[in-house]
Amino acid sequence: MVKRTGPTNPMLKKLIEELKRKSLEENVRIWKRVAEILERPTRRRVEINLKHIEREAKEGETIVVPGVVLSEGELKKKVTIAAWRFSAKAREKIEKAGSRAISIEELIKENPKGSNVRIMV
């Protein structure tokens, strides 16, 4: 029987702790939900392609991806995307479209209440 330990990446662990702390401090559920998704086993982690963001997001929206953003597809809308990680090609395409690719930590600093932020999984 293998004991479940959660993420082993120290930076991911730190981010999860920060999200839980911010959720309690600001009394908002969104950061707790993002932390719960990030705590999943590796095989259940979120990977989203740009084509999915293009299809689902509205112009000017702020989206948080509790996982990795990958580069398949094109992005034409101007959105802010916060994620645990971006592939190099995805970051390049996002910036080329005039959108923002930021870390989840940056989003917490900019918007501690998490208002008008949508989780995409």
C-alpha atoms as a PDB file:
ATOM      1  CA  MET A   1       0.000   0.000   0.000  1.00  0.00           C
ATOM      2  CA  VAL A   2       1.487   3.325  -1.098  1.00  0.00           C
ATOM      3  CA  LYS A   3       0.924   6.312   1.147  1.00  0.00           C
ATOM      4  CA  ARG A   4      -0.427   9.387  -0.652  1.00  0.00           C
ATOM      5  CA  THR A   5       1.779  12.377  -0.036  1.00  0.00           C
ATOM      6  CA  GLY A   6       0.525  15.118  -2.347  1.00  0.00           C
ATOM      7  CA  PRO A   7       2.832  17.310  -4.435  1.00  0.00           C
ATOM      8  CA  THR A   8       6.568  16.961  -3.836  1.00  0.00           C
ATOM      9  CA  ASN A   9       7.624  20.098  -5.730  1.00  0.00           C
ATOM     10  CA  PRO A  10       8.545  22.586  -2.949  1.00  0.00           C
ATOM     11  CA  MET A  11       7.392  25.585  -5.006  1.00  0.00           C
ATOM     12  CA  LEU A  12       4.004  23.969  -5.651  1.00  0.00           C
ATOM     13  CA  LYS A  13       3.653  23.126  -1.942  1.00  0.00           C
ATOM     14  CA  LYS A  14       4.443  26.759  -1.075  1.00  0.00           C
ATOM     15  CA  LEU A  15       1.836  27.997  -3.579  1.00  0.00           C
ATOM     16  CA  ILE A  16      -0.831  25.651  -2.167  1.00  0.00           C
ATOM     17  CA  GLU A  17      -0.118  26.897   1.381  1.00  0.00           C
ATOM     18  CA  GLU A  18      -0.292  30.522   0.182  1.00  0.00           C
ATOM     19  CA  LEU A  19      -3.633  29.871  -1.556  1.00  0.00           C
ATOM     20  CA  LYS A  20      -5.139  28.273   1.571  1.00  0.00           C
ATOM     21  CA  ARG A  21      -3.852  31.115   3.765  1.00  0.00           C
ATOM     22  CA  LYS A  22      -5.250  33.768   1.406  1.00  0.00           C
ATOM     23  CA  SER A  23      -8.595  31.951   1.275  1.00  0.00           C
ATOM     24  CA  LEU A  24      -8.894  32.176   5.065  1.00  0.00           C
ATOM     25  CA  GLU A  25      -7.560  35.756   5.282  1.00  0.00           C
ATOM     26  CA  GLU A  26      -9.883  37.147   2.619  1.00  0.00           C
ATOM     27  CA  ASN A  27     -12.726  34.725   3.433  1.00  0.00           C
ATOM     28  CA  VAL A  28     -13.086  33.672  -0.225  1.00  0.00           C
ATOM     29  CA  ARG A  29     -13.568  30.131  -1.562  1.00  0.00           C
ATOM     30  CA  ILE A  30     -11.876  30.560  -4.950  1.00  0.00           C
ATOM     31  CA  TRP A  31      -8.287  30.264  -3.646  1.00  0.00           C
ATOM     32  CA  LYS A  32      -9.170  27.189  -1.557  1.00  0.00           C
ATOM     33  CA  ARG A  33     -10.687  25.553  -4.654  1.00  0.00           C
ATOM     34  CA  VAL A  34      -7.570  26.313  -6.732  1.00  0.00           C
ATOM     35  CA  ALA A  35      -5.396  24.812  -3.945  1.00  0.00           C
ATOM     36  CA  GLU A  36      -7.550  21.650  -3.875  1.00  0.00           C
ATOM     37  CA  ILE A  37      -7.155  21.181  -7.636  1.00  0.00           C
ATOM     38  CA  LEU A  38      -3.367  21.734  -7.450  1.00  0.00           C
ATOM     39  CA  GLU A  39      -3.102  19.089  -4.694  1.00  0.00           C
ATOM     40  CA  ARG A  40      -4.385  16.336  -6.968  1.00  0.00           C
ATOM     41  CA  PRO A  41      -2.108  13.459  -7.968  1.00  0.00           C
ATOM     42  CA  THR A  42       0.092  14.133 -11.005  1.00  0.00           C
ATOM     43  CA  ARG A  43      -2.009  12.011 -13.336  1.00  0.00           C
ATOM     44  CA  ARG A  44      -5.097  14.102 -12.507  1.00  0.00           C
ATOM     45  CA  ARG A  45      -3.460  17.519 -12.887  1.00  0.00           C
ATOM     46  CA  VAL A  46      -4.970  20.070 -15.222  1.00  0.00           C
ATOM     47  CA  GLU A  47      -3.529  20.678 -18.689  1.00  0.00           C
ATOM     48  CA  ILE A  48      -5.355  23.159 -20.906  1.00  0.00           C
ATOM     49  CA  ASN A  49      -4.598  24.129 -24.490  1.00  0.00           C
ATOM     50  CA  LEU A  50      -4.992  27.665 -25.829  1.00  0.00           C
ATOM     51  CA  LYS A  51      -7.767  26.512 -28.190  1.00  0.00           C
ATOM     52  CA  HIS A  52      -9.878  25.618 -25.133  1.00  0.00           C
ATOM     53  CA  ILE A  53      -9.269  29.047 -23.555  1.00  0.00           C
ATOM     54  CA  GLU A  54     -10.096  30.751 -26.882  1.00  0.00           C
ATOM     55  CA  ARG A  55     -13.378  28.820 -27.097  1.00  0.00           C
ATOM     56  CA  GLU A  56     -14.499  29.262 -23.459  1.00  0.00           C
ATOM     57  CA  ALA A  57     -13.180  32.666 -22.338  1.00  0.00           C
ATOM     58  CA  LYS A  58     -14.828  36.024 -22.856  1.00  0.00           C
ATOM     59  CA  GLU A  59     -12.896  39.106 -23.990  1.00  0.00           C
ATOM     60  CA  GLY A  60     -11.218  40.873 -21.050  1.00  0.00           C
ATOM     61  CA  GLU A  61     -11.811  37.997 -18.623  1.00  0.00           C
ATOM     62  CA  THR A  62      -9.346  36.809 -15.965  1.00  0.00           C
ATOM     63  CA  ILE A  63      -8.850  33.057 -15.932  1.00  0.00           C
ATOM     64  CA  VAL A  64      -6.937  30.898 -13.488  1.00  0.00           C
ATOM     65  CA  VAL A  65      -5.664  27.517 -14.661  1.00  0.00           C
ATOM     66  CA  PRO A  66      -4.631  25.372 -11.669  1.00  0.00           C
ATOM     67  CA  GLY A  67      -2.155  23.482 -13.803  1.00  0.00           C
ATOM     68  CA  VAL A  68      -0.296  23.866 -17.097  1.00  0.00           C
ATOM     69  CA  VAL A  69      -1.243  25.942 -20.149  1.00  0.00           C
ATOM     70  CA  LEU A  70      -0.160  24.291 -23.408  1.00  0.00           C
ATOM     71  CA  SER A  71       0.212  25.861 -26.842  1.00  0.00           C
ATOM     72  CA  GLU A  72      -2.159  23.928 -29.120  1.00  0.00           C
ATOM     73  CA  GLY A  73      -4.479  26.307 -30.967  1.00  0.00           C
ATOM     74  CA  GLU A  74      -4.535  30.075 -31.318  1.00  0.00           C
ATOM     75  CA  LEU A  75      -5.594  32.816 -28.914  1.00  0.00           C
ATOM     76  CA  LYS A  76      -7.229  35.898 -30.422  1.00  0.00           C
ATOM     77  CA  LYS A  77      -8.984  37.370 -27.368  1.00  0.00           C
ATOM     78  CA  LYS A  78      -7.363  39.727 -24.883  1.00  0.00           C
ATOM     79  CA  VAL A  79      -7.535  37.885 -21.549  1.00  0.00           C
ATOM     80  CA  THR A  80      -5.427  37.532 -18.428  1.00  0.00           C
ATOM     81  CA  ILE A  81      -4.365  33.961 -17.762  1.00  0.00           C
ATOM     82  CA  ALA A  82      -2.863  32.950 -14.426  1.00  0.00           C
ATOM     83  CA  ALA A  83      -1.434  29.439 -14.190  1.00  0.00           C
ATOM     84  CA  TRP A  84       0.973  27.231 -12.255  1.00  0.00           C
ATOM     85  CA  ARG A  85       3.061  26.825 -15.443  1.00  0.00           C
ATOM     86  CA  PHE A  86       3.034  27.795 -19.124  1.00  0.00           C
ATOM     87  CA  SER A  87       4.818  26.007 -21.932  1.00  0.00           C
ATOM     88  CA  ALA A  88       7.284  28.387 -23.614  1.00  0.00           C
ATOM     89  CA  LYS A  89       5.288  28.306 -26.864  1.00  0.00           C
ATOM     90  CA  ALA A  90       1.998  28.989 -25.034  1.00  0.00           C
ATOM     91  CA  ARG A  91       3.477  32.033 -23.245  1.00  0.00           C
ATOM     92  CA  GLU A  92       4.760  33.316 -26.587  1.00  0.00           C
ATOM     93  CA  LYS A  93       1.334  32.923 -28.267  1.00  0.00           C
ATOM     94  CA  ILE A  94      -0.481  34.556 -25.317  1.00  0.00           C
ATOM     95  CA  GLU A  95       1.792  37.611 -25.397  1.00  0.00           C
ATOM     96  CA  LYS A  96       1.549  37.809 -29.208  1.00  0.00           C
ATOM     97  CA  ALA A  97      -2.256  37.987 -28.873  1.00  0.00           C
ATOM     98  CA  GLY A  98      -1.880  40.988 -26.522  1.00  0.00           C
ATOM     99  CA  SER A  99      -3.001  38.949 -23.519  1.00  0.00           C
ATOM    100  CA  ARG A 100      -1.215  38.490 -20.184  1.00  0.00           C
ATOM    101  CA  ALA A 101       0.371  35.283 -18.879  1.00  0.00           C
ATOM    102  CA  ILE A 102       1.008  35.616 -15.137  1.00  0.00           C
ATOM    103  CA  SER A 103       1.682  33.311 -12.203  1.00  0.00           C
ATOM    104  CA  ILE A 104      -1.046  32.482  -9.693  1.00  0.00           C
ATOM    105  CA  GLU A 105       1.022  34.329  -7.039  1.00  0.00           C
ATOM    106  CA  GLU A 106       0.888  37.518  -9.146  1.00  0.00           C
ATOM    107  CA  LEU A 107      -2.882  37.158  -9.505  1.00  0.00           C
ATOM    108  CA  ILE A 108      -3.286  36.790  -5.715  1.00  0.00           C
ATOM    109  CA  LYS A 109      -1.299  40.025  -5.203  1.00  0.00           C
ATOM    110  CA  GLU A 110      -3.303  41.903  -7.866  1.00  0.00           C
ATOM    111  CA  ASN A 111      -6.701  40.532  -6.858  1.00  0.00           C
ATOM    112  CA  PRO A 112      -6.665  39.125  -3.285  1.00  0.00           C
ATOM    113  CA  LYS A 113     -10.478  38.745  -3.210  1.00  0.00           C
ATOM    114  CA  GLY A 114     -10.448  36.782  -6.470  1.00  0.00           C
ATOM    115  CA  SER A 115     -13.339  38.852  -7.824  1.00  0.00           C
ATOM    116  CA  ASN A 116     -14.282  38.275 -11.463  1.00  0.00           C
ATOM    117  CA  VAL A 117     -11.824  35.404 -11.751  1.00  0.00           C
ATOM    118  CA  ARG A 118     -12.900  32.148 -13.366  1.00  0.00           C
ATOM    119  CA  ILE A 119     -11.279  28.758 -12.755  1.00  0.00           C
ATOM    120  CA  MET A 120     -10.795  26.762 -15.937  1.00  0.00           C
ATOM    121  CA  VAL A 121     -10.185  23.021 -15.682  1.00  0.00           C
END
